[in-house]
Amino acid sequence: MKRFGATMLIVALALPAPASAQGARSGQAPARAAPAAPAKPAEPPPPEPPAPAYEKEMLRLSEIVGALAFLRSLCAAPDAGEWPTRMQALLESEGGTPGRRERLAGAYNRGYRGYALTYRACTPSATEASARFLKEGETLSRNLAGRYGG
């Protein structure tokens, strides 16, 4: 395979470029390419700090908020518009690095999409799932605040 690649490189270098071939036919000197500016090596992003001790709980809370954002809207609950706003506040307070923001937003999206694929109308099952998520989210929030502050 390497031999084929080297042969193709030799063939490519041996063939005249279209612009120089036209210039040779018309009697004009071939156009020279402008020298390229030296490319600066890209600096690697700074290493991400280790995840906090409560990362697992925050990801679960984000997933619950995503599920509630869908279910509460589907069932026309009075607080339906609050859930995306709550997630935005969570991202602003906890998403200190791009990687962390991505993980939290990914958990929210998983929760949202998981129920968007399951429910098309507000059913008793959707209402029950919403009630359970409200309870779990409240418990999780209290535990996080009690244990880690905030």
C-alpha atoms as a PDB file:
ATOM      1  CA  MET A   1       0.000   0.000   0.000  1.00  0.00           C
ATOM      2  CA  LYS A   2       2.883   2.358   0.799  1.00  0.00           C
ATOM      3  CA  ARG A   3       4.420   1.654  -2.572  1.00  0.00           C
ATOM      4  CA  PHE A   4       1.208   2.637  -4.350  1.00  0.00           C
ATOM      5  CA  GLY A   5       1.038   5.921  -2.393  1.00  0.00           C
ATOM      6  CA  ALA A   6       4.663   6.770  -3.236  1.00  0.00           C
ATOM      7  CA  THR A   7       4.045   5.989  -6.910  1.00  0.00           C
ATOM      8  CA  MET A   8       0.999   8.265  -6.951  1.00  0.00           C
ATOM      9  CA  LEU A   9       3.025  11.047  -5.343  1.00  0.00           C
ATOM     10  CA  ILE A  10       5.744  10.710  -8.004  1.00  0.00           C
ATOM     11  CA  VAL A  11       3.138  10.712 -10.776  1.00  0.00           C
ATOM     12  CA  ALA A  12       1.403  13.759  -9.272  1.00  0.00           C
ATOM     13  CA  LEU A  13       4.678  15.658  -9.063  1.00  0.00           C
ATOM     14  CA  ALA A  14       5.652  14.717 -12.596  1.00  0.00           C
ATOM     15  CA  LEU A  15       2.421  15.989 -14.137  1.00  0.00           C
ATOM     16  CA  PRO A  16       2.377  19.688 -14.993  1.00  0.00           C
ATOM     17  CA  ALA A  17      -0.116  21.829 -13.123  1.00  0.00           C
ATOM     18  CA  PRO A  18      -2.977  23.035 -15.335  1.00  0.00           C
ATOM     19  CA  ALA A  19      -1.964  26.705 -15.024  1.00  0.00           C
ATOM     20  CA  SER A  20       1.658  26.049 -15.991  1.00  0.00           C
ATOM     21  CA  ALA A  21       0.567  23.858 -18.899  1.00  0.00           C
ATOM     22  CA  GLN A  22      -1.609  26.661 -20.278  1.00  0.00           C
ATOM     23  CA  GLY A  23       1.132  29.212 -19.742  1.00  0.00           C
ATOM     24  CA  ALA A  24       3.623  27.073 -21.643  1.00  0.00           C
ATOM     25  CA  ARG A  25       1.248  26.773 -24.589  1.00  0.00           C
ATOM     26  CA  SER A  26       0.454  30.478 -24.766  1.00  0.00           C
ATOM     27  CA  GLY A  27       4.060  31.567 -24.356  1.00  0.00           C
ATOM     28  CA  GLN A  28       3.488  33.119 -20.937  1.00  0.00           C
ATOM     29  CA  ALA A  29       5.669  32.395 -17.977  1.00  0.00           C
ATOM     30  CA  PRO A  30       4.000  30.071 -15.516  1.00  0.00           C
ATOM     31  CA  ALA A  31       2.420  31.802 -12.544  1.00  0.00           C
ATOM     32  CA  ARG A  32       4.276  31.342  -9.286  1.00  0.00           C
ATOM     33  CA  ALA A  33       2.396  30.603  -6.134  1.00  0.00           C
ATOM     34  CA  ALA A  34       2.740  33.135  -3.358  1.00  0.00           C
ATOM     35  CA  PRO A  35       4.806  31.821  -0.489  1.00  0.00           C
ATOM     36  CA  ALA A  36       2.565  30.485   2.206  1.00  0.00           C
ATOM     37  CA  ALA A  37       2.737  32.079   5.624  1.00  0.00           C
ATOM     38  CA  PRO A  38       4.252  29.702   8.133  1.00  0.00           C
ATOM     39  CA  ALA A  39       1.478  28.042  10.078  1.00  0.00           C
ATOM     40  CA  LYS A  40       1.567  28.507  13.820  1.00  0.00           C
ATOM     41  CA  PRO A  41       1.257  25.244  15.662  1.00  0.00           C
ATOM     42  CA  ALA A  42      -2.078  25.062  17.439  1.00  0.00           C
ATOM     43  CA  GLU A  43      -1.758  25.216  21.173  1.00  0.00           C
ATOM     44  CA  PRO A  44      -3.417  22.302  22.903  1.00  0.00           C
ATOM     45  CA  PRO A  45      -6.296  23.323  25.153  1.00  0.00           C
ATOM     46  CA  PRO A  46      -5.449  23.431  28.832  1.00  0.00           C
ATOM     47  CA  PRO A  47      -6.136  20.170  30.617  1.00  0.00           C
ATOM     48  CA  GLU A  48      -9.579  19.953  32.124  1.00  0.00           C
ATOM     49  CA  PRO A  49      -9.660  19.919  35.914  1.00  0.00           C
ATOM     50  CA  PRO A  50     -10.902  16.732  37.537  1.00  0.00           C
ATOM     51  CA  ALA A  51     -14.656  16.353  37.826  1.00  0.00           C
ATOM     52  CA  PRO A  52     -16.132  17.360  41.166  1.00  0.00           C
ATOM     53  CA  ALA A  53     -17.138  14.688  43.646  1.00  0.00           C
ATOM     54  CA  TYR A  54     -20.801  15.308  42.848  1.00  0.00           C
ATOM     55  CA  GLU A  55     -20.484  14.924  39.070  1.00  0.00           C
ATOM     56  CA  LYS A  56     -22.632  11.799  38.880  1.00  0.00           C
ATOM     57  CA  GLU A  57     -25.460  13.489  40.788  1.00  0.00           C
ATOM     58  CA  MET A  58     -25.258  16.631  38.632  1.00  0.00           C
ATOM     59  CA  LEU A  59     -25.460  14.582  35.447  1.00  0.00           C
ATOM     60  CA  ARG A  60     -28.502  12.747  36.799  1.00  0.00           C
ATOM     61  CA  LEU A  61     -30.101  16.056  37.774  1.00  0.00           C
ATOM     62  CA  SER A  62     -29.457  17.409  34.273  1.00  0.00           C
ATOM     63  CA  GLU A  63     -31.077  14.324  32.768  1.00  0.00           C
ATOM     64  CA  ILE A  64     -34.110  14.742  35.047  1.00  0.00           C
ATOM     65  CA  VAL A  65     -34.435  18.410  34.078  1.00  0.00           C
ATOM     66  CA  GLY A  66     -34.359  17.395  30.400  1.00  0.00           C
ATOM     67  CA  ALA A  67     -37.076  14.791  30.911  1.00  0.00           C
ATOM     68  CA  LEU A  68     -39.184  17.304  32.832  1.00  0.00           C
ATOM     69  CA  ALA A  69     -38.670  19.939  30.141  1.00  0.00           C
ATOM     70  CA  PHE A  70     -40.315  17.587  27.681  1.00  0.00           C
ATOM     71  CA  LEU A  71     -42.966  15.993  29.890  1.00  0.00           C
ATOM     72  CA  ARG A  72     -44.170  19.193  31.580  1.00  0.00           C
ATOM     73  CA  SER A  73     -44.489  20.886  28.205  1.00  0.00           C
ATOM     74  CA  LEU A  74     -46.274  17.881  26.710  1.00  0.00           C
ATOM     75  CA  CYS A  75     -48.815  17.897  29.547  1.00  0.00           C
ATOM     76  CA  ALA A  76     -49.185  21.712  29.456  1.00  0.00           C
ATOM     77  CA  ALA A  77     -48.093  22.095  33.069  1.00  0.00           C
ATOM     78  CA  PRO A  78     -47.984  25.668  34.366  1.00  0.00           C
ATOM     79  CA  ASP A  79     -44.228  25.365  35.037  1.00  0.00           C
ATOM     80  CA  ALA A  80     -43.397  23.967  31.581  1.00  0.00           C
ATOM     81  CA  GLY A  81     -41.340  26.988  30.520  1.00  0.00           C
ATOM     82  CA  GLU A  82     -39.220  26.952  33.671  1.00  0.00           C
ATOM     83  CA  TRP A  83     -37.268  23.762  32.942  1.00  0.00           C
ATOM     84  CA  PRO A  84     -35.117  24.977  30.040  1.00  0.00           C
ATOM     85  CA  THR A  85     -34.432  28.140  32.073  1.00  0.00           C
ATOM     86  CA  ARG A  86     -33.401  26.035  35.066  1.00  0.00           C
ATOM     87  CA  MET A  87     -31.029  24.051  32.885  1.00  0.00           C
ATOM     88  CA  GLN A  88     -29.503  27.256  31.558  1.00  0.00           C
ATOM     89  CA  ALA A  89     -28.924  28.414  35.139  1.00  0.00           C
ATOM     90  CA  LEU A  90     -27.373  25.047  35.964  1.00  0.00           C
ATOM     91  CA  LEU A  91     -25.026  25.331  32.967  1.00  0.00           C
ATOM     92  CA  GLU A  92     -24.012  28.843  33.959  1.00  0.00           C
ATOM     93  CA  SER A  93     -23.265  27.879  37.545  1.00  0.00           C
ATOM     94  CA  GLU A  94     -21.729  24.425  37.018  1.00  0.00           C
ATOM     95  CA  GLY A  95     -20.413  24.454  33.438  1.00  0.00           C
ATOM     96  CA  GLY A  96     -17.021  25.981  34.168  1.00  0.00           C
ATOM     97  CA  THR A  97     -15.218  24.243  31.307  1.00  0.00           C
ATOM     98  CA  PRO A  98     -16.357  23.396  27.787  1.00  0.00           C
ATOM     99  CA  GLY A  99     -16.131  19.672  28.541  1.00  0.00           C
ATOM    100  CA  ARG A 100     -18.260  19.998  31.652  1.00  0.00           C
ATOM    101  CA  ARG A 101     -20.870  22.082  29.828  1.00  0.00           C
ATOM    102  CA  GLU A 102     -20.978  19.466  27.106  1.00  0.00           C
ATOM    103  CA  ARG A 103     -21.510  16.625  29.576  1.00  0.00           C
ATOM    104  CA  LEU A 104     -24.273  18.477  31.419  1.00  0.00           C
ATOM    105  CA  ALA A 105     -26.016  19.503  28.200  1.00  0.00           C
ATOM    106  CA  GLY A 106     -25.664  15.958  26.864  1.00  0.00           C
ATOM    107  CA  ALA A 107     -27.386  14.559  29.957  1.00  0.00           C
ATOM    108  CA  TYR A 108     -30.207  17.108  29.555  1.00  0.00           C
ATOM    109  CA  ASN A 109     -30.613  16.150  25.903  1.00  0.00           C
ATOM    110  CA  ARG A 110     -30.669  12.434  26.743  1.00  0.00           C
ATOM    111  CA  GLY A 111     -33.459  13.003  29.234  1.00  0.00           C
ATOM    112  CA  TYR A 112     -35.417  15.142  26.806  1.00  0.00           C
ATOM    113  CA  ARG A 113     -34.998  12.866  23.783  1.00  0.00           C
ATOM    114  CA  GLY A 114     -35.680   9.708  25.740  1.00  0.00           C
ATOM    115  CA  TYR A 115     -39.211  10.857  26.508  1.00  0.00           C
ATOM    116  CA  ALA A 116     -39.722  12.644  23.202  1.00  0.00           C
ATOM    117  CA  LEU A 117     -39.289   9.269  21.510  1.00  0.00           C
ATOM    118  CA  THR A 118     -41.751   7.595  23.875  1.00  0.00           C
ATOM    119  CA  TYR A 119     -44.610  10.063  24.267  1.00  0.00           C
ATOM    120  CA  ARG A 120     -46.613  11.937  21.637  1.00  0.00           C
ATOM    121  CA  ALA A 121     -49.513  12.914  23.914  1.00  0.00           C
ATOM    122  CA  CYS A 122     -49.949  13.513  27.609  1.00  0.00           C
ATOM    123  CA  THR A 123     -51.020  10.190  29.071  1.00  0.00           C
ATOM    124  CA  PRO A 124     -51.481   9.044  32.670  1.00  0.00           C
ATOM    125  CA  SER A 125     -48.112   7.325  32.311  1.00  0.00           C
ATOM    126  CA  ALA A 126     -46.448  10.595  31.223  1.00  0.00           C
ATOM    127  CA  THR A 127     -48.039  12.393  34.170  1.00  0.00           C
ATOM    128  CA  GLU A 128     -46.797   9.692  36.557  1.00  0.00           C
ATOM    129  CA  ALA A 129     -43.271   9.847  35.093  1.00  0.00           C
ATOM    130  CA  SER A 130     -43.308  13.618  35.499  1.00  0.00           C
ATOM    131  CA  ALA A 131     -44.402  13.337  39.152  1.00  0.00           C
ATOM    132  CA  ARG A 132     -41.664  10.804  39.868  1.00  0.00           C
ATOM    133  CA  PHE A 133     -39.020  12.998  38.238  1.00  0.00           C
ATOM    134  CA  LEU A 134     -40.188  16.002  40.250  1.00  0.00           C
ATOM    135  CA  LYS A 135     -39.803  13.993  43.446  1.00  0.00           C
ATOM    136  CA  GLU A 136     -36.410  12.545  42.469  1.00  0.00           C
ATOM    137  CA  GLY A 137     -35.125  15.936  41.302  1.00  0.00           C
ATOM    138  CA  GLU A 138     -36.213  17.602  44.519  1.00  0.00           C
ATOM    139  CA  THR A 139     -34.531  14.925  46.641  1.00  0.00           C
ATOM    140  CA  LEU A 140     -31.360  15.073  44.564  1.00  0.00           C
ATOM    141  CA  SER A 141     -31.246  18.881  44.744  1.00  0.00           C
ATOM    142  CA  ARG A 142     -31.657  18.879  48.516  1.00  0.00           C
ATOM    143  CA  ASN A 143     -28.966  16.227  48.942  1.00  0.00           C
ATOM    144  CA  LEU A 144     -26.544  18.127  46.718  1.00  0.00           C
ATOM    145  CA  ALA A 145     -27.156  21.417  48.496  1.00  0.00           C
ATOM    146  CA  GLY A 146     -26.956  19.823  51.927  1.00  0.00           C
ATOM    147  CA  ARG A 147     -23.839  17.840  51.233  1.00  0.00           C
ATOM    148  CA  TYR A 148     -21.855  20.205  48.994  1.00  0.00           C
ATOM    149  CA  GLY A 149     -23.417  23.605  49.725  1.00  0.00           C
ATOM    150  CA  GLY A 150     -24.950  26.013  47.267  1.00  0.00           C
END
